[in-house]
């Protein structure tokens, strides 16, 4: 974050809801890593936790890097290209 972006960043964070990474989400993330490893795809644990959380709460993931999230059942929002 650049100093000039501080206010906008704070406003963004104030509008976000924090979701606890529960044991259920952690287990789901582990299963995602296992399932995709069997297909020859290595998922980072952080991406697996994000995906598991998104799936657990039926949320939309806003990302410009879908190759980290190959799950077809994952709802996502494409970010604009800048």
PDB file of N, CA and C in Angstrom:
ATOM      1  N   UNK A   1       0.855  -1.171   0.000  1.00  0.00           N
ATOM      2  CA  UNK A   1       0.000   0.000   0.000  1.00  0.00           C
ATOM      3  C   UNK A   1       0.900   1.233   0.000  1.00  0.00           C
ATOM      4  N   UNK A   2       0.605   2.117  -0.891  1.00  0.00           N
ATOM      5  CA  UNK A   2       1.323   3.395  -0.927  1.00  0.00           C
ATOM      6  C   UNK A   2       0.647   4.355   0.045  1.00  0.00           C
ATOM      7  N   UNK A   3       1.391   5.318   0.590  1.00  0.00           N
ATOM      8  CA  UNK A   3       0.790   6.252   1.542  1.00  0.00           C
ATOM      9  C   UNK A   3      -0.478   6.924   1.012  1.00  0.00           C
ATOM     10  N   UNK A   4      -0.514   7.236  -0.267  1.00  0.00           N
ATOM     11  CA  UNK A   4      -1.686   7.899  -0.839  1.00  0.00           C
ATOM     12  C   UNK A   4      -2.902   6.970  -0.919  1.00  0.00           C
ATOM     13  N   UNK A   5      -2.680   5.669  -0.768  1.00  0.00           N
ATOM     14  CA  UNK A   5      -3.765   4.696  -0.848  1.00  0.00           C
ATOM     15  C   UNK A   5      -4.319   4.307   0.520  1.00  0.00           C
ATOM     16  N   UNK A   6      -3.775   4.883   1.584  1.00  0.00           N
ATOM     17  CA  UNK A   6      -4.139   4.485   2.949  1.00  0.00           C
ATOM     18  C   UNK A   6      -5.627   4.633   3.234  1.00  0.00           C
ATOM     19  N   UNK A   7      -6.219   5.746   2.898  1.00  0.00           N
ATOM     20  CA  UNK A   7      -7.640   5.973   3.189  1.00  0.00           C
ATOM     21  C   UNK A   7      -8.517   4.972   2.444  1.00  0.00           C
ATOM     22  N   UNK A   8      -8.253   4.785   1.160  1.00  0.00           N
ATOM     23  CA  UNK A   8      -9.046   3.836   0.371  1.00  0.00           C
ATOM     24  C   UNK A   8      -8.870   2.409   0.885  1.00  0.00           C
ATOM     25  N   UNK A   9      -7.660   2.073   1.303  1.00  0.00           N
ATOM     26  CA  UNK A   9      -7.404   0.740   1.837  1.00  0.00           C
ATOM     27  C   UNK A   9      -8.146   0.525   3.150  1.00  0.00           C
ATOM     28  N   UNK A  10      -8.116   1.504   4.020  1.00  0.00           N
ATOM     29  CA  UNK A  10      -8.845   1.410   5.289  1.00  0.00           C
ATOM     30  C   UNK A  10     -10.344   1.261   5.047  1.00  0.00           C
ATOM     31  N   UNK A  11     -10.883   1.998   4.093  1.00  0.00           N
ATOM     32  CA  UNK A  11     -12.309   1.891   3.763  1.00  0.00           C
ATOM     33  C   UNK A  11     -12.640   0.495   3.239  1.00  0.00           C
ATOM     34  N   UNK A  12     -11.756  -0.057   2.433  1.00  0.00           N
ATOM     35  CA  UNK A  12     -11.958  -1.410   1.926  1.00  0.00           C
ATOM     36  C   UNK A  12     -11.996  -2.400   3.085  1.00  0.00           C
ATOM     37  N   UNK A  13     -11.024  -2.346   3.974  1.00  0.00           N
ATOM     38  CA  UNK A  13     -10.960  -3.277   5.096  1.00  0.00           C
ATOM     39  C   UNK A  13     -12.154  -3.142   6.031  1.00  0.00           C
ATOM     40  N   UNK A  14     -12.654  -1.926   6.217  1.00  0.00           N
ATOM     41  CA  UNK A  14     -13.810  -1.722   7.085  1.00  0.00           C
ATOM     42  C   UNK A  14     -15.057  -2.406   6.539  1.00  0.00           C
ATOM     43  N   UNK A  15     -15.112  -2.594   5.234  1.00  0.00           N
ATOM     44  CA  UNK A  15     -16.267  -3.230   4.613  1.00  0.00           C
ATOM     45  C   UNK A  15     -16.168  -4.746   4.530  1.00  0.00           C
ATOM     46  N   UNK A  16     -15.062  -5.307   4.973  1.00  0.00           N
ATOM     47  CA  UNK A  16     -14.874  -6.750   4.898  1.00  0.00           C
ATOM     48  C   UNK A  16     -15.317  -7.439   6.181  1.00  0.00           C
ATOM     49  N   UNK A  17     -15.750  -8.672   6.032  1.00  0.00           N
ATOM     50  CA  UNK A  17     -16.120  -9.488   7.189  1.00  0.00           C
ATOM     51  C   UNK A  17     -15.051 -10.554   7.374  1.00  0.00           C
ATOM     52  N   UNK A  18     -14.587 -10.728   8.590  1.00  0.00           N
ATOM     53  CA  UNK A  18     -13.598 -11.761   8.880  1.00  0.00           C
ATOM     54  C   UNK A  18     -14.319 -13.085   9.123  1.00  0.00           C
ATOM     55  N   UNK A  19     -13.789 -14.142   8.558  1.00  0.00           N
ATOM     56  CA  UNK A  19     -14.352 -15.475   8.724  1.00  0.00           C
ATOM     57  C   UNK A  19     -13.288 -16.345   9.371  1.00  0.00           C
ATOM     58  N   UNK A  20     -13.665 -17.000  10.441  1.00  0.00           N
ATOM     59  CA  UNK A  20     -12.747 -17.861  11.164  1.00  0.00           C
ATOM     60  C   UNK A  20     -12.462 -19.121  10.357  1.00  0.00           C
ATOM     61  N   UNK A  21     -11.203 -19.502  10.307  1.00  0.00           N
ATOM     62  CA  UNK A  21     -10.828 -20.760   9.661  1.00  0.00           C
ATOM     63  C   UNK A  21     -11.083 -21.883  10.659  1.00  0.00           C
ATOM     64  N   UNK A  22     -12.232 -22.502  10.537  1.00  0.00           N
ATOM     65  CA  UNK A  22     -12.650 -23.549  11.474  1.00  0.00           C
ATOM     66  C   UNK A  22     -11.962 -24.880  11.155  1.00  0.00           C
ATOM     67  N   UNK A  23     -12.165 -25.840  12.030  1.00  0.00           N
ATOM     68  CA  UNK A  23     -11.626 -27.176  11.802  1.00  0.00           C
ATOM     69  C   UNK A  23     -12.230 -27.778  10.530  1.00  0.00           C
ATOM     70  N   UNK A  24     -13.507 -27.539  10.295  1.00  0.00           N
ATOM     71  CA  UNK A  24     -14.171 -28.041   9.087  1.00  0.00           C
ATOM     72  C   UNK A  24     -13.513 -27.467   7.833  1.00  0.00           C
ATOM     73  N   UNK A  25     -13.229 -26.171   7.844  1.00  0.00           N
ATOM     74  CA  UNK A  25     -12.572 -25.529   6.698  1.00  0.00           C
ATOM     75  C   UNK A  25     -11.161 -26.089   6.522  1.00  0.00           C
ATOM     76  N   UNK A  26     -10.445 -26.277   7.621  1.00  0.00           N
ATOM     77  CA  UNK A  26      -9.091 -26.828   7.539  1.00  0.00           C
ATOM     78  C   UNK A  26      -9.109 -28.235   6.944  1.00  0.00           C
ATOM     79  N   UNK A  27     -10.051 -29.053   7.357  1.00  0.00           N
ATOM     80  CA  UNK A  27     -10.170 -30.410   6.800  1.00  0.00           C
ATOM     81  C   UNK A  27     -10.528 -30.360   5.318  1.00  0.00           C
ATOM     82  N   UNK A  28     -11.428 -29.464   4.956  1.00  0.00           N
ATOM     83  CA  UNK A  28     -11.799 -29.309   3.541  1.00  0.00           C
ATOM     84  C   UNK A  28     -10.605 -28.864   2.708  1.00  0.00           C
ATOM     85  N   UNK A  29      -9.810 -27.960   3.262  1.00  0.00           N
ATOM     86  CA  UNK A  29      -8.605 -27.499   2.553  1.00  0.00           C
ATOM     87  C   UNK A  29      -7.637 -28.660   2.351  1.00  0.00           C
ATOM     88  N   UNK A  30      -7.463 -29.480   3.362  1.00  0.00           N
ATOM     89  CA  UNK A  30      -6.597 -30.654   3.240  1.00  0.00           C
ATOM     90  C   UNK A  30      -7.101 -31.617   2.178  1.00  0.00           C
ATOM     91  N   UNK A  31      -8.406 -31.804   2.130  1.00  0.00           N
ATOM     92  CA  UNK A  31      -8.988 -32.686   1.121  1.00  0.00           C
ATOM     93  C   UNK A  31      -8.810 -32.111  -0.279  1.00  0.00           C
ATOM     94  N   UNK A  32      -8.949 -30.795  -0.417  1.00  0.00           N
ATOM     95  CA  UNK A  32      -8.715 -30.164  -1.723  1.00  0.00           C
ATOM     96  C   UNK A  32      -7.273 -30.388  -2.177  1.00  0.00           C
ATOM     97  N   UNK A  33      -6.324 -30.186  -1.264  1.00  0.00           N
ATOM     98  CA  UNK A  33      -4.915 -30.411  -1.607  1.00  0.00           C
ATOM     99  C   UNK A  33      -4.696 -31.848  -2.046  1.00  0.00           C
ATOM    100  N   UNK A  34      -5.277 -32.795  -1.315  1.00  0.00           N
ATOM    101  CA  UNK A  34      -5.133 -34.213  -1.621  1.00  0.00           C
ATOM    102  C   UNK A  34      -5.752 -34.549  -2.979  1.00  0.00           C
ATOM    103  N   UNK A  35      -6.987 -34.107  -3.187  1.00  0.00           N
ATOM    104  CA  UNK A  35      -7.685 -34.402  -4.438  1.00  0.00           C
ATOM    105  C   UNK A  35      -6.933 -33.860  -5.646  1.00  0.00           C
ATOM    106  N   UNK A  36      -6.457 -32.633  -5.547  1.00  0.00           N
ATOM    107  CA  UNK A  36      -5.770 -32.025  -6.683  1.00  0.00           C
ATOM    108  C   UNK A  36      -4.365 -32.589  -6.860  1.00  0.00           C
ATOM    109  N   UNK A  37      -3.727 -33.002  -5.778  1.00  0.00           N
ATOM    110  CA  UNK A  37      -2.410 -33.637  -5.897  1.00  0.00           C
ATOM    111  C   UNK A  37      -2.533 -34.942  -6.682  1.00  0.00           C
ATOM    112  N   UNK A  38      -3.623 -35.673  -6.471  1.00  0.00           N
ATOM    113  CA  UNK A  38      -3.860 -36.919  -7.221  1.00  0.00           C
ATOM    114  C   UNK A  38      -4.042 -36.648  -8.711  1.00  0.00           C
ATOM    115  N   UNK A  39      -4.415 -35.419  -9.064  1.00  0.00           N
ATOM    116  CA  UNK A  39      -4.574 -35.031 -10.463  1.00  0.00           C
ATOM    117  C   UNK A  39      -3.293 -34.396 -11.019  1.00  0.00           C
ATOM    118  N   UNK A  40      -2.260 -34.332 -10.171  1.00  0.00           N
ATOM    119  CA  UNK A  40      -0.989 -33.755 -10.602  1.00  0.00           C
ATOM    120  C   UNK A  40      -0.890 -32.253 -10.424  1.00  0.00           C
ATOM    121  N   UNK A  41      -1.809 -31.667  -9.650  1.00  0.00           N
ATOM    122  CA  UNK A  41      -1.829 -30.219  -9.427  1.00  0.00           C
ATOM    123  C   UNK A  41      -1.476 -29.943  -7.967  1.00  0.00           C
ATOM    124  N   UNK A  42      -0.451 -29.145  -7.753  1.00  0.00           N
ATOM    125  CA  UNK A  42      -0.048 -28.780  -6.398  1.00  0.00           C
ATOM    126  C   UNK A  42      -0.722 -27.476  -6.005  1.00  0.00           C
ATOM    127  N   UNK A  43      -1.518 -27.529  -4.951  1.00  0.00           N
ATOM    128  CA  UNK A  43      -2.155 -26.325  -4.409  1.00  0.00           C
ATOM    129  C   UNK A  43      -1.367 -25.852  -3.197  1.00  0.00           C
ATOM    130  N   UNK A  44      -1.142 -24.563  -3.102  1.00  0.00           N
ATOM    131  CA  UNK A  44      -0.558 -24.001  -1.886  1.00  0.00           C
ATOM    132  C   UNK A  44      -1.607 -24.083  -0.786  1.00  0.00           C
ATOM    133  N   UNK A  45      -1.175 -24.289   0.440  1.00  0.00           N
ATOM    134  CA  UNK A  45      -2.133 -24.432   1.541  1.00  0.00           C
ATOM    135  C   UNK A  45      -2.975 -23.164   1.709  1.00  0.00           C
ATOM    136  N   UNK A  46      -2.390 -22.004   1.489  1.00  0.00           N
ATOM    137  CA  UNK A  46      -3.165 -20.768   1.624  1.00  0.00           C
ATOM    138  C   UNK A  46      -4.281 -20.713   0.585  1.00  0.00           C
ATOM    139  N   UNK A  47      -3.988 -21.121  -0.641  1.00  0.00           N
ATOM    140  CA  UNK A  47      -5.015 -21.131  -1.681  1.00  0.00           C
ATOM    141  C   UNK A  47      -6.087 -22.171  -1.375  1.00  0.00           C
ATOM    142  N   UNK A  48      -5.681 -23.314  -0.835  1.00  0.00           N
ATOM    143  CA  UNK A  48      -6.649 -24.349  -0.472  1.00  0.00           C
ATOM    144  C   UNK A  48      -7.573 -23.863   0.650  1.00  0.00           C
ATOM    145  N   UNK A  49      -7.029 -23.134   1.608  1.00  0.00           N
ATOM    146  CA  UNK A  49      -7.853 -22.586   2.699  1.00  0.00           C
ATOM    147  C   UNK A  49      -8.821 -21.543   2.156  1.00  0.00           C
ATOM    148  N   UNK A  50      -8.343 -20.683   1.273  1.00  0.00           N
ATOM    149  CA  UNK A  50      -9.224 -19.678   0.657  1.00  0.00           C
ATOM    150  C   UNK A  50     -10.337 -20.366  -0.116  1.00  0.00           C
ATOM    151  N   UNK A  51      -9.997 -21.374  -0.915  1.00  0.00           N
ATOM    152  CA  UNK A  51     -11.004 -22.095  -1.698  1.00  0.00           C
ATOM    153  C   UNK A  51     -11.998 -22.811  -0.781  1.00  0.00           C
ATOM    154  N   UNK A  52     -11.507 -23.470   0.251  1.00  0.00           N
ATOM    155  CA  UNK A  52     -12.384 -24.194   1.174  1.00  0.00           C
ATOM    156  C   UNK A  52     -13.338 -23.238   1.892  1.00  0.00           C
ATOM    157  N   UNK A  53     -12.844 -22.082   2.274  1.00  0.00           N
ATOM    158  CA  UNK A  53     -13.689 -21.079   2.928  1.00  0.00           C
ATOM    159  C   UNK A  53     -14.756 -20.584   1.966  1.00  0.00           C
ATOM    160  N   UNK A  54     -14.339 -20.282   0.743  1.00  0.00           N
ATOM    161  CA  UNK A  54     -15.272 -19.812  -0.275  1.00  0.00           C
ATOM    162  C   UNK A  54     -16.368 -20.845  -0.527  1.00  0.00           C
ATOM    163  N   UNK A  55     -15.985 -22.094  -0.636  1.00  0.00           N
ATOM    164  CA  UNK A  55     -16.951 -23.162  -0.877  1.00  0.00           C
ATOM    165  C   UNK A  55     -17.857 -23.397   0.333  1.00  0.00           C
ATOM    166  N   UNK A  56     -17.285 -23.341   1.527  1.00  0.00           N
ATOM    167  CA  UNK A  56     -18.064 -23.601   2.749  1.00  0.00           C
ATOM    168  C   UNK A  56     -19.183 -22.587   2.957  1.00  0.00           C
ATOM    169  N   UNK A  57     -18.935 -21.351   2.559  1.00  0.00           N
ATOM    170  CA  UNK A  57     -19.911 -20.288   2.774  1.00  0.00           C
ATOM    171  C   UNK A  57     -20.637 -19.890   1.488  1.00  0.00           C
ATOM    172  N   UNK A  58     -20.396 -20.631   0.404  1.00  0.00           N
ATOM    173  CA  UNK A  58     -21.004 -20.345  -0.897  1.00  0.00           C
ATOM    174  C   UNK A  58     -20.774 -18.886  -1.299  1.00  0.00           C
ATOM    175  N   UNK A  59     -19.515 -18.478  -1.211  1.00  0.00           N
ATOM    176  CA  UNK A  59     -19.117 -17.111  -1.524  1.00  0.00           C
ATOM    177  C   UNK A  59     -18.564 -17.029  -2.943  1.00  0.00           C
ATOM    178  N   UNK A  60     -18.278 -15.832  -3.379  1.00  0.00           N
ATOM    179  CA  UNK A  60     -17.609 -15.591  -4.651  1.00  0.00           C
ATOM    180  C   UNK A  60     -16.183 -15.152  -4.359  1.00  0.00           C
ATOM    181  N   UNK A  61     -15.247 -15.704  -5.093  1.00  0.00           N
ATOM    182  CA  UNK A  61     -13.845 -15.348  -4.953  1.00  0.00           C
ATOM    183  C   UNK A  61     -13.484 -14.339  -6.029  1.00  0.00           C
ATOM    184  N   UNK A  62     -12.984 -13.193  -5.625  1.00  0.00           N
ATOM    185  CA  UNK A  62     -12.527 -12.176  -6.567  1.00  0.00           C
ATOM    186  C   UNK A  62     -11.022 -12.342  -6.730  1.00  0.00           C
ATOM    187  N   UNK A  63     -10.611 -12.770  -7.917  1.00  0.00           N
ATOM    188  CA  UNK A  63      -9.193 -13.007  -8.164  1.00  0.00           C
ATOM    189  C   UNK A  63      -8.866 -12.787  -9.635  1.00  0.00           C
ATOM    190  N   UNK A  64      -7.620 -12.445  -9.884  1.00  0.00           N
ATOM    191  CA  UNK A  64      -7.153 -12.374 -11.256  1.00  0.00           C
ATOM    192  C   UNK A  64      -6.162 -13.503 -11.531  1.00  0.00           C
ATOM    193  N   UNK A  65      -6.180 -14.510 -10.656  1.00  0.00           N
ATOM    194  CA  UNK A  65      -5.255 -15.627 -10.786  1.00  0.00           C
ATOM    195  C   UNK A  65      -5.993 -16.951 -10.600  1.00  0.00           C
ATOM    196  N   UNK A  66      -6.853 -17.279 -11.539  1.00  0.00           N
ATOM    197  CA  UNK A  66      -7.664 -18.493 -11.435  1.00  0.00           C
ATOM    198  C   UNK A  66      -6.853 -19.779 -11.529  1.00  0.00           C
ATOM    199  N   UNK A  67      -5.633 -19.712 -12.022  1.00  0.00           N
ATOM    200  CA  UNK A  67      -4.852 -20.946 -12.120  1.00  0.00           C
ATOM    201  C   UNK A  67      -4.518 -21.491 -10.731  1.00  0.00           C
ATOM    202  N   UNK A  68      -4.604 -20.658  -9.699  1.00  0.00           N
ATOM    203  CA  UNK A  68      -4.403 -21.125  -8.329  1.00  0.00           C
ATOM    204  C   UNK A  68      -5.670 -21.756  -7.760  1.00  0.00           C
ATOM    205  N   UNK A  69      -6.770 -21.604  -8.455  1.00  0.00           N
ATOM    206  CA  UNK A  69      -8.069 -22.087  -7.979  1.00  0.00           C
ATOM    207  C   UNK A  69      -8.771 -22.859  -9.100  1.00  0.00           C
ATOM    208  N   UNK A  70      -8.330 -24.098  -9.383  1.00  0.00           N
ATOM    209  CA  UNK A  70      -8.852 -24.846 -10.522  1.00  0.00           C
ATOM    210  C   UNK A  70     -10.206 -25.522 -10.282  1.00  0.00           C
ATOM    211  N   UNK A  71     -10.788 -25.373  -9.109  1.00  0.00           N
ATOM    212  CA  UNK A  71     -12.031 -26.069  -8.778  1.00  0.00           C
ATOM    213  C   UNK A  71     -13.199 -25.510  -9.597  1.00  0.00           C
ATOM    214  N   UNK A  72     -13.848 -26.363 -10.357  1.00  0.00           N
ATOM    215  CA  UNK A  72     -14.951 -25.898 -11.206  1.00  0.00           C
ATOM    216  C   UNK A  72     -16.162 -25.462 -10.383  1.00  0.00           C
ATOM    217  N   UNK A  73     -16.308 -25.998  -9.190  1.00  0.00           N
ATOM    218  CA  UNK A  73     -17.448 -25.639  -8.347  1.00  0.00           C
ATOM    219  C   UNK A  73     -17.266 -24.309  -7.619  1.00  0.00           C
ATOM    220  N   UNK A  74     -16.108 -23.702  -7.754  1.00  0.00           N
ATOM    221  CA  UNK A  74     -15.806 -22.434  -7.092  1.00  0.00           C
ATOM    222  C   UNK A  74     -16.418 -21.271  -7.859  1.00  0.00           C
ATOM    223  N   UNK A  75     -17.238 -20.478  -7.203  1.00  0.00           N
ATOM    224  CA  UNK A  75     -17.785 -19.265  -7.809  1.00  0.00           C
ATOM    225  C   UNK A  75     -16.709 -18.182  -7.775  1.00  0.00           C
ATOM    226  N   UNK A  76     -16.547 -17.484  -8.877  1.00  0.00           N
ATOM    227  CA  UNK A  76     -15.533 -16.427  -8.887  1.00  0.00           C
ATOM    228  C   UNK A  76     -16.008 -15.225  -9.687  1.00  0.00           C
ATOM    229  N   UNK A  77     -15.345 -14.130  -9.387  1.00  0.00           N
ATOM    230  CA  UNK A  77     -15.575 -12.870 -10.088  1.00  0.00           C
ATOM    231  C   UNK A  77     -14.259 -12.497 -10.747  1.00  0.00           C
ATOM    232  N   UNK A  78     -14.287 -12.308 -12.050  1.00  0.00           N
ATOM    233  CA  UNK A  78     -13.084 -11.875 -12.743  1.00  0.00           C
ATOM    234  C   UNK A  78     -12.788 -10.420 -12.428  1.00  0.00           C
ATOM    235  N   UNK A  79     -11.555 -10.141 -12.079  1.00  0.00           N
ATOM    236  CA  UNK A  79     -11.155  -8.756 -11.836  1.00  0.00           C
ATOM    237  C   UNK A  79     -10.820  -8.089 -13.153  1.00  0.00           C
ATOM    238  N   UNK A  80     -11.065  -6.791 -13.249  1.00  0.00           N
ATOM    239  CA  UNK A  80     -10.738  -6.094 -14.493  1.00  0.00           C
ATOM    240  C   UNK A  80      -9.233  -6.080 -14.740  1.00  0.00           C
ATOM    241  N   UNK A  81      -8.867  -6.177 -15.986  1.00  0.00           N
ATOM    242  CA  UNK A  81      -7.459  -6.113 -16.375  1.00  0.00           C
ATOM    243  C   UNK A  81      -7.051  -4.651 -16.419  1.00  0.00           C
ATOM    244  N   UNK A  82      -5.935  -4.345 -15.776  1.00  0.00           N
ATOM    245  CA  UNK A  82      -5.454  -2.958 -15.771  1.00  0.00           C
ATOM    246  C   UNK A  82      -4.200  -2.819 -16.581  1.00  0.00           C
TER     247      UNK A  82
END
